[in-house]
C-alpha cells in the first residue's frame, strides 16, 4: 500500500504541482504537458497509449486511452476513466489529478494480467467549463464514437475526485433532494467514505461495483442510484455515457459536498489524503479484476489496438 501511495502522490504532484492549471483556453501548453505525462506513464506501465484527437475552440486536443484486450469476450468492454483538464483558476489536485492518478495506478496494477473481457483506461480532456456537457467535451466525443461503432460497453467507471476524507462529525453534506425524509436518517455524516453514484438505468452496475470494491478492500463506501433531479449526480464524464445509452457510475469523494477547496486556487496537492487514496485505488483495481474476469498473468505484455478516429 505504501508503494501505491508514493506513486499516486507523485502523479498528483506532477499534474497539480509542477504542471498546474491545464486547459485548452488559457493553459494549452500545460494541458499538452499533462497529456504527454499520461502517455509516458501508460508506456512505463507496459501499455500502448492511443490518442483520439479532435478540435476544441479551434485548437487541437486529445483523449488518451490504453487497452487490455479480452481473451474470451473481447467485444465486451469495461472502461475506467477520468478527466485530466482543470478548471481555470485552480491547479486541480482533487479535481481531477486524483482521478487520473488512480486510473494510471489501476492500469499499472492490471497491466500484466489476462482478462476474459476487454478493459480500457481512458484520460478525457475538456470535462470542465466551458466544454462541460457541450459537443467538445472529451468524454462526449469519446462516448459518441463508441456508439457510432456499436461498441458493447458493459460499464463505464468514472473517477471524479477521490482525495478528500474526514472523520469529523458533520463533515459530509448532501443535496437537498436526498437529505430529507427517511433517507436523511440513513446518510452518513462523516466524509470518510467513497461514493458510487449511478442513474436509475445504471443501478445494477452501481450496486455491483460497490459490492466488488468492498470485496477487494476494507474501506467505507456508499452507493446511490440517483434520479436525474439529484444535484451533482450527473456532473462529470459518466454523464456522456448515460447520454449515449451506456451504463456508467461515478466513484467520488462527493466533491463540493465535502471538499472546501473545490474549483479554487487552494485545490493543491497538500490538501489530499494519500493513505486513504491508496486504499481506494487498491479497491478499484480489485473491482476491475472481478468485473472483467481475470484469467491469470501474461507471459509477455502485448496490447494490440487501433486509433479511434
Protein backbone atom coordinates (compact mmCIF):
# COMPACT_ATOMS: atom_id res chain seq x y z
CA UNK A 1 0.00 0.00 0.00
CA UNK A 2 2.89 2.36 0.74
CA UNK A 3 4.18 2.00 -2.82
CA UNK A 4 0.75 2.84 -4.27
CA UNK A 5 0.61 5.88 -2.00
CA UNK A 6 4.05 7.03 -3.16
CA UNK A 7 3.12 6.73 -6.83
CA UNK A 8 -0.24 8.48 -6.63
CA UNK A 9 1.38 11.30 -4.67
CA UNK A 10 3.96 11.62 -7.47
CA UNK A 11 1.23 11.77 -10.14
CA UNK A 12 -0.74 14.43 -8.27
CA UNK A 13 2.40 16.46 -7.56
CA UNK A 14 3.29 16.42 -11.25
CA UNK A 15 -0.17 17.27 -12.58
CA UNK A 16 -1.31 19.78 -9.97
CA UNK A 17 2.04 20.97 -8.64
CA UNK A 18 4.63 21.04 -11.42
CA UNK A 19 2.21 21.43 -14.36
CA UNK A 20 -0.62 23.21 -12.54
CA UNK A 21 -3.61 24.72 -14.33
CA UNK A 22 -4.21 22.81 -17.56
CA UNK A 23 -6.89 23.68 -20.07
CA UNK A 24 -7.14 24.47 -23.75
CA UNK A 25 -8.23 28.09 -23.41
CA UNK A 26 -5.67 29.65 -21.07
CA UNK A 27 -3.10 26.94 -20.32
CA UNK A 28 -2.75 24.96 -23.55
CA UNK A 29 0.95 24.25 -23.02
CA UNK A 30 0.22 22.83 -19.58
CA UNK A 31 -2.63 20.73 -20.98
CA UNK A 32 -0.23 19.28 -23.54
CA UNK A 33 2.33 18.61 -20.82
CA UNK A 34 -0.32 16.72 -18.83
CA UNK A 35 -1.26 14.67 -21.91
CA UNK A 36 2.39 13.74 -22.51
CA UNK A 37 2.82 12.77 -18.87
CA UNK A 38 -0.20 10.47 -19.06
CA UNK A 39 1.07 8.88 -22.28
CA UNK A 40 4.56 8.39 -20.82
CA UNK A 41 3.11 6.82 -17.67
CA UNK A 42 0.96 4.42 -19.67
CA UNK A 43 4.10 3.33 -21.53
CA UNK A 44 6.02 2.92 -18.27
CA UNK A 45 3.20 0.62 -17.09
CA UNK A 46 3.62 -1.56 -20.20
CA UNK A 47 0.67 -0.16 -22.17
CA UNK A 48 0.47 1.40 -25.61
CA UNK A 49 -1.28 4.78 -25.37
CA UNK A 50 -3.55 5.77 -28.24
CA UNK A 51 -4.89 9.26 -28.94
CA UNK A 52 -8.34 10.31 -30.07
CA UNK A 53 -7.59 13.77 -31.49
CA UNK A 54 -10.19 16.45 -32.19
CA UNK A 55 -10.51 20.22 -32.13
CA UNK A 56 -11.94 22.32 -29.31
CA UNK A 57 -12.25 26.09 -29.58
CA UNK A 58 -10.30 25.74 -32.82
CA UNK A 59 -7.32 24.12 -31.09
CA UNK A 60 -6.04 20.52 -31.12
CA UNK A 61 -6.79 18.38 -28.07
CA UNK A 62 -6.99 14.65 -27.43
CA UNK A 63 -8.43 11.92 -25.31
CA UNK A 64 -5.89 9.21 -24.45
CA UNK A 65 -6.56 5.54 -23.85
CA UNK A 66 -4.85 2.19 -23.41
CA UNK A 67 -6.47 -1.21 -23.75
CA UNK A 68 -6.15 -4.76 -22.46
CA UNK A 69 -7.97 -6.92 -24.97
CA UNK A 70 -10.12 -9.68 -23.54
CA UNK A 71 -9.37 -13.29 -24.41
CA UNK A 72 -12.86 -14.81 -24.20
CA UNK A 73 -15.22 -11.88 -24.75
CA UNK A 74 -13.12 -9.15 -26.41
CA UNK A 75 -16.20 -7.25 -27.61
CA UNK A 76 -17.41 -6.82 -24.04
CA UNK A 77 -15.68 -3.65 -22.83
CA UNK A 78 -15.19 -2.15 -19.38
CA UNK A 79 -13.95 1.45 -19.22
CA UNK A 80 -12.33 3.14 -16.24
CA UNK A 81 -11.55 6.78 -16.84
CA UNK A 82 -11.11 10.31 -15.51
CA UNK A 83 -10.58 13.81 -16.90
CA UNK A 84 -7.15 15.42 -16.90
CA UNK A 85 -8.02 19.07 -17.57
CA UNK A 86 -8.53 21.69 -14.86
CA UNK A 87 -10.99 24.49 -14.36
CA UNK A 88 -9.42 27.90 -14.92
CA UNK A 89 -8.01 29.35 -11.70
CA UNK A 90 -7.27 26.04 -9.97
CA UNK A 91 -4.33 23.60 -10.00
CA UNK A 92 -7.00 20.92 -9.53
CA UNK A 93 -5.29 18.39 -7.28
CA UNK A 94 -8.52 16.68 -6.24
CA UNK A 95 -10.44 17.79 -9.34
CA UNK A 96 -9.12 15.79 -11.02
CA UNK A 97 -5.46 14.90 -10.70
CA UNK A 98 -6.65 12.45 -8.04
CA UNK A 99 -8.85 10.63 -10.55
CA UNK A 100 -6.13 10.47 -13.20
CA UNK A 101 -3.60 9.23 -10.65
CA UNK A 102 -6.00 6.41 -9.79
CA UNK A 103 -6.57 5.47 -13.45
CA UNK A 104 -2.80 5.32 -14.02
CA UNK A 105 -2.23 3.14 -10.98
CA UNK A 106 -5.11 0.81 -11.80
CA UNK A 107 -3.60 0.50 -15.29
CA UNK A 108 -0.28 -0.38 -13.69
CA UNK A 109 -1.84 -2.96 -11.38
CA UNK A 110 -3.73 -4.70 -14.20
CA UNK A 111 -1.10 -4.39 -16.93
CA UNK A 112 0.40 -7.86 -16.64
CA UNK A 113 -2.90 -9.69 -16.21
CA UNK A 114 -5.06 -11.57 -18.70
CA UNK A 115 -8.81 -10.93 -18.79
CA UNK A 116 -11.92 -12.52 -20.23
CA UNK A 117 -13.35 -9.09 -21.17
CA UNK A 118 -11.62 -6.04 -22.60
CA UNK A 119 -10.51 -3.31 -20.19
CA UNK A 120 -9.86 0.28 -21.31
CA UNK A 121 -8.18 3.03 -19.34
CA UNK A 122 -9.18 6.47 -20.62
CA UNK A 123 -8.00 10.00 -19.83
CA UNK A 124 -10.57 12.53 -21.02
CA UNK A 125 -9.92 16.14 -21.96
CA UNK A 126 -12.35 19.08 -21.60
CA UNK A 127 -14.61 18.00 -18.77
CA UNK A 128 -14.55 21.45 -17.20
CA UNK A 129 -16.45 24.57 -18.38
CA UNK A 130 -16.91 25.95 -20.96
CA UNK A 131 -16.92 22.48 -22.57
CA UNK A 132 -18.95 20.71 -19.88
CA UNK A 133 -21.94 18.92 -21.48
CA UNK A 134 -21.13 20.51 -24.84
CA UNK A 135 -20.13 18.94 -28.15
CA UNK A 136 -16.41 19.47 -27.43
CA UNK A 137 -16.46 17.74 -24.05
CA UNK A 138 -13.87 14.98 -24.37
CA UNK A 139 -15.91 12.18 -22.86
CA UNK A 140 -18.92 13.04 -25.02
CA UNK A 141 -16.73 12.88 -28.14
CA UNK A 142 -15.44 9.53 -26.94
CA UNK A 143 -18.82 8.04 -25.99
CA UNK A 144 -20.36 9.11 -29.29
CA UNK A 145 -17.52 7.38 -31.15
CA UNK A 146 -18.16 4.20 -29.13
CA UNK A 147 -21.85 4.36 -30.01
CA UNK A 148 -21.12 5.02 -33.69
CA UNK A 149 -19.03 1.82 -33.77
CA UNK A 150 -21.78 -0.04 -31.87
CA UNK A 151 -19.31 -0.99 -29.16
CA UNK A 152 -20.60 -3.11 -26.30
CA UNK A 153 -19.67 -1.02 -23.28
CA UNK A 154 -20.65 -3.21 -20.33
CA UNK A 155 -19.93 -0.39 -17.92
CA UNK A 156 -18.04 2.88 -17.58
CA UNK A 157 -16.47 3.71 -14.21
CA UNK A 158 -15.69 7.41 -13.89
CA UNK A 159 -13.26 8.57 -11.19
CA UNK A 160 -14.16 12.14 -10.21
CA UNK A 161 -12.33 13.50 -7.15
CA UNK A 162 -11.22 10.74 -4.77
CA UNK A 163 -8.73 12.53 -2.50
CA UNK A 164 -10.68 14.20 0.35
CA UNK A 165 -11.67 12.31 3.53
CA UNK A 166 -12.55 13.36 7.07
CA UNK A 167 -13.64 11.60 10.25
CA UNK A 168 -15.05 14.81 11.71
CA UNK A 169 -18.78 14.62 12.54
CA UNK A 170 -20.79 16.80 10.16
CA UNK A 171 -18.04 16.91 7.53
CA UNK A 172 -20.37 15.38 4.91
CA UNK A 173 -23.21 17.30 3.26
CA UNK A 174 -25.78 16.20 0.64
CA UNK A 175 -28.06 17.71 -1.99
CA UNK A 176 -31.43 18.70 -0.57
CA UNK A 177 -33.15 16.24 -2.91
CA UNK A 178 -31.53 13.41 -0.90
CA UNK A 179 -31.16 14.95 2.54
CA UNK A 180 -34.76 14.73 3.71
CA UNK A 181 -37.36 12.32 4.97
CA UNK A 182 -36.41 8.80 5.97
CA UNK A 183 -33.39 8.86 3.62
CA UNK A 184 -31.86 11.66 5.71
CA UNK A 185 -31.58 9.32 8.70
CA UNK A 186 -29.68 6.73 6.68
CA UNK A 187 -26.99 9.01 5.22
CA UNK A 188 -23.51 9.01 6.83
CA UNK A 189 -22.47 12.37 8.32
CA UNK A 190 -18.71 11.86 8.29
CA UNK A 191 -16.91 12.40 4.99
CA UNK A 192 -14.76 9.30 5.37
CA UNK A 193 -16.28 7.19 2.58
CA UNK A 194 -16.15 6.92 -1.19
CA UNK A 195 -19.48 7.13 -3.04
CA UNK A 196 -20.66 5.09 -6.02
CA UNK A 197 -23.26 7.14 -7.90
CA UNK A 198 -25.28 5.97 -10.89
CA UNK A 199 -28.54 6.87 -12.58
CA UNK A 200 -31.61 4.66 -12.30
CA UNK A 201 -30.72 2.79 -15.50
CA UNK A 202 -27.26 2.03 -14.11
CA UNK A 203 -28.37 0.82 -10.69
CA UNK A 204 -27.19 -2.77 -11.24
CA UNK A 205 -23.71 -1.60 -12.28
CA UNK A 206 -23.56 0.85 -9.37
CA UNK A 207 -24.53 -1.84 -6.84
CA UNK A 208 -22.15 -4.38 -8.38
CA UNK A 209 -19.18 -2.01 -8.43
CA UNK A 210 -19.65 -1.12 -4.79
CA UNK A 211 -20.04 -4.79 -3.83
CA UNK A 212 -16.85 -5.83 -5.66
CA UNK A 213 -14.99 -2.83 -4.24
CA UNK A 214 -15.96 -3.98 -0.74
CA UNK A 215 -14.70 -7.48 -1.54
CA UNK A 216 -11.35 -6.02 -2.57
CA UNK A 217 -10.58 -3.59 0.27
CA UNK A 218 -11.81 -2.61 3.73
CA UNK A 219 -12.88 0.99 3.18
CA UNK A 220 -16.15 2.82 3.93
CA UNK A 221 -18.37 3.13 0.87
CA UNK A 222 -21.86 4.28 0.00
CA UNK A 223 -23.90 3.75 -3.16
CA UNK A 224 -26.92 5.50 -4.60
CA UNK A 225 -28.92 5.06 -7.81
CA UNK A 226 -29.76 8.73 -8.22
CA UNK A 227 -32.64 10.20 -10.23
CA UNK A 228 -31.65 12.99 -12.63
CA UNK A 229 -33.10 15.58 -10.25
CA UNK A 230 -30.42 14.86 -7.63
CA UNK A 231 -27.95 17.74 -7.76
CA UNK A 232 -24.43 16.68 -8.74
CA UNK A 233 -25.33 13.11 -9.73
CA UNK A 234 -24.51 13.68 -13.40
CA UNK A 235 -21.79 16.30 -13.04
CA UNK A 236 -18.88 14.54 -14.74
CA UNK A 237 -17.81 12.30 -17.61
CA UNK A 238 -20.13 9.39 -16.76
CA UNK A 239 -22.97 11.65 -17.95
CA UNK A 240 -21.64 11.38 -21.51
CA UNK A 241 -22.08 7.62 -21.41
CA UNK A 242 -25.57 7.90 -19.93
CA UNK A 243 -26.43 10.19 -22.85
CA UNK A 244 -25.31 7.50 -25.30
CA UNK A 245 -27.23 4.69 -23.67
CA UNK A 246 -24.39 3.07 -21.71
CA UNK A 247 -24.43 2.15 -18.02
CA UNK A 248 -21.98 4.28 -16.07
CA UNK A 249 -21.11 5.03 -12.45
CA UNK A 250 -19.18 7.84 -10.80
CA UNK A 251 -16.79 7.00 -7.98
CA UNK A 252 -16.21 10.15 -5.95
CA UNK A 253 -15.41 11.76 -2.61
CA UNK A 254 -18.61 13.78 -3.37
CA UNK A 255 -16.76 16.94 -4.42
CA UNK A 256 -18.30 20.18 -3.12
CA UNK A 257 -20.47 18.31 -0.61
CA UNK A 258 -17.27 17.67 1.32
CA UNK A 259 -14.28 19.46 -0.19
CA UNK A 260 -13.95 23.15 0.67
CA UNK A 261 -11.27 23.73 -2.00
CA UNK A 262 -13.45 22.65 -4.93
CA UNK A 263 -12.66 24.76 -8.05
CA UNK A 264 -10.42 27.08 -6.02
CA UNK A 265 -6.77 28.08 -6.20
CA UNK A 266 -6.34 26.18 -2.92
CA UNK A 267 -7.04 22.78 -4.51
CA UNK A 268 -3.37 21.88 -4.15
CA UNK A 269 -1.56 18.54 -3.67
CA UNK A 270 -1.03 19.10 0.05
CA UNK A 271 -4.79 19.04 0.68
CA UNK A 272 -5.24 15.36 -0.22
CA UNK A 273 -5.34 12.25 1.96
CA UNK A 274 -2.89 9.93 0.19
CA UNK A 275 -3.03 6.94 2.56
CA UNK A 276 -6.80 6.68 2.07
CA UNK A 277 -6.48 7.35 -1.65
CA UNK A 278 -4.10 4.39 -1.86
CA UNK A 279 -6.73 2.13 -0.28
CA UNK A 280 -9.36 3.37 -2.73
CA UNK A 281 -7.03 2.70 -5.66
CA UNK A 282 -6.33 -0.82 -4.38
CA UNK A 283 -10.06 -1.42 -4.09
CA UNK A 284 -10.71 -0.11 -7.60
CA UNK A 285 -8.01 -2.37 -9.04
CA UNK A 286 -9.57 -5.36 -7.31
CA UNK A 287 -13.02 -4.31 -8.50
CA UNK A 288 -11.84 -4.16 -12.12
CA UNK A 289 -10.22 -7.60 -11.84
CA UNK A 290 -13.54 -9.07 -10.77
CA UNK A 291 -15.64 -7.14 -13.30
CA UNK A 292 -13.55 -8.13 -16.31
CA UNK A 293 -12.79 -11.69 -15.20
CA UNK A 294 -9.07 -12.05 -14.54
CA UNK A 295 -7.62 -15.25 -16.06
CA UNK A 296 -4.03 -15.13 -14.85
CA UNK A 297 -0.80 -13.38 -15.71
CA UNK A 298 0.62 -12.64 -19.15
CA UNK A 299 3.83 -14.28 -20.27
CA UNK A 300 4.55 -11.18 -22.34
CA UNK A 301 2.70 -7.90 -22.49
CA UNK A 302 1.10 -7.38 -25.88
CA UNK A 303 -1.61 -4.78 -26.26
CA UNK A 304 -2.79 -4.56 -29.86
CA UNK A 305 -5.18 -1.72 -30.51
CA UNK A 306 -6.13 0.75 -33.21
CA UNK A 307 -6.52 4.52 -33.11
CA UNK A 308 -10.00 5.92 -32.64
CA UNK A 309 -11.00 8.41 -35.29
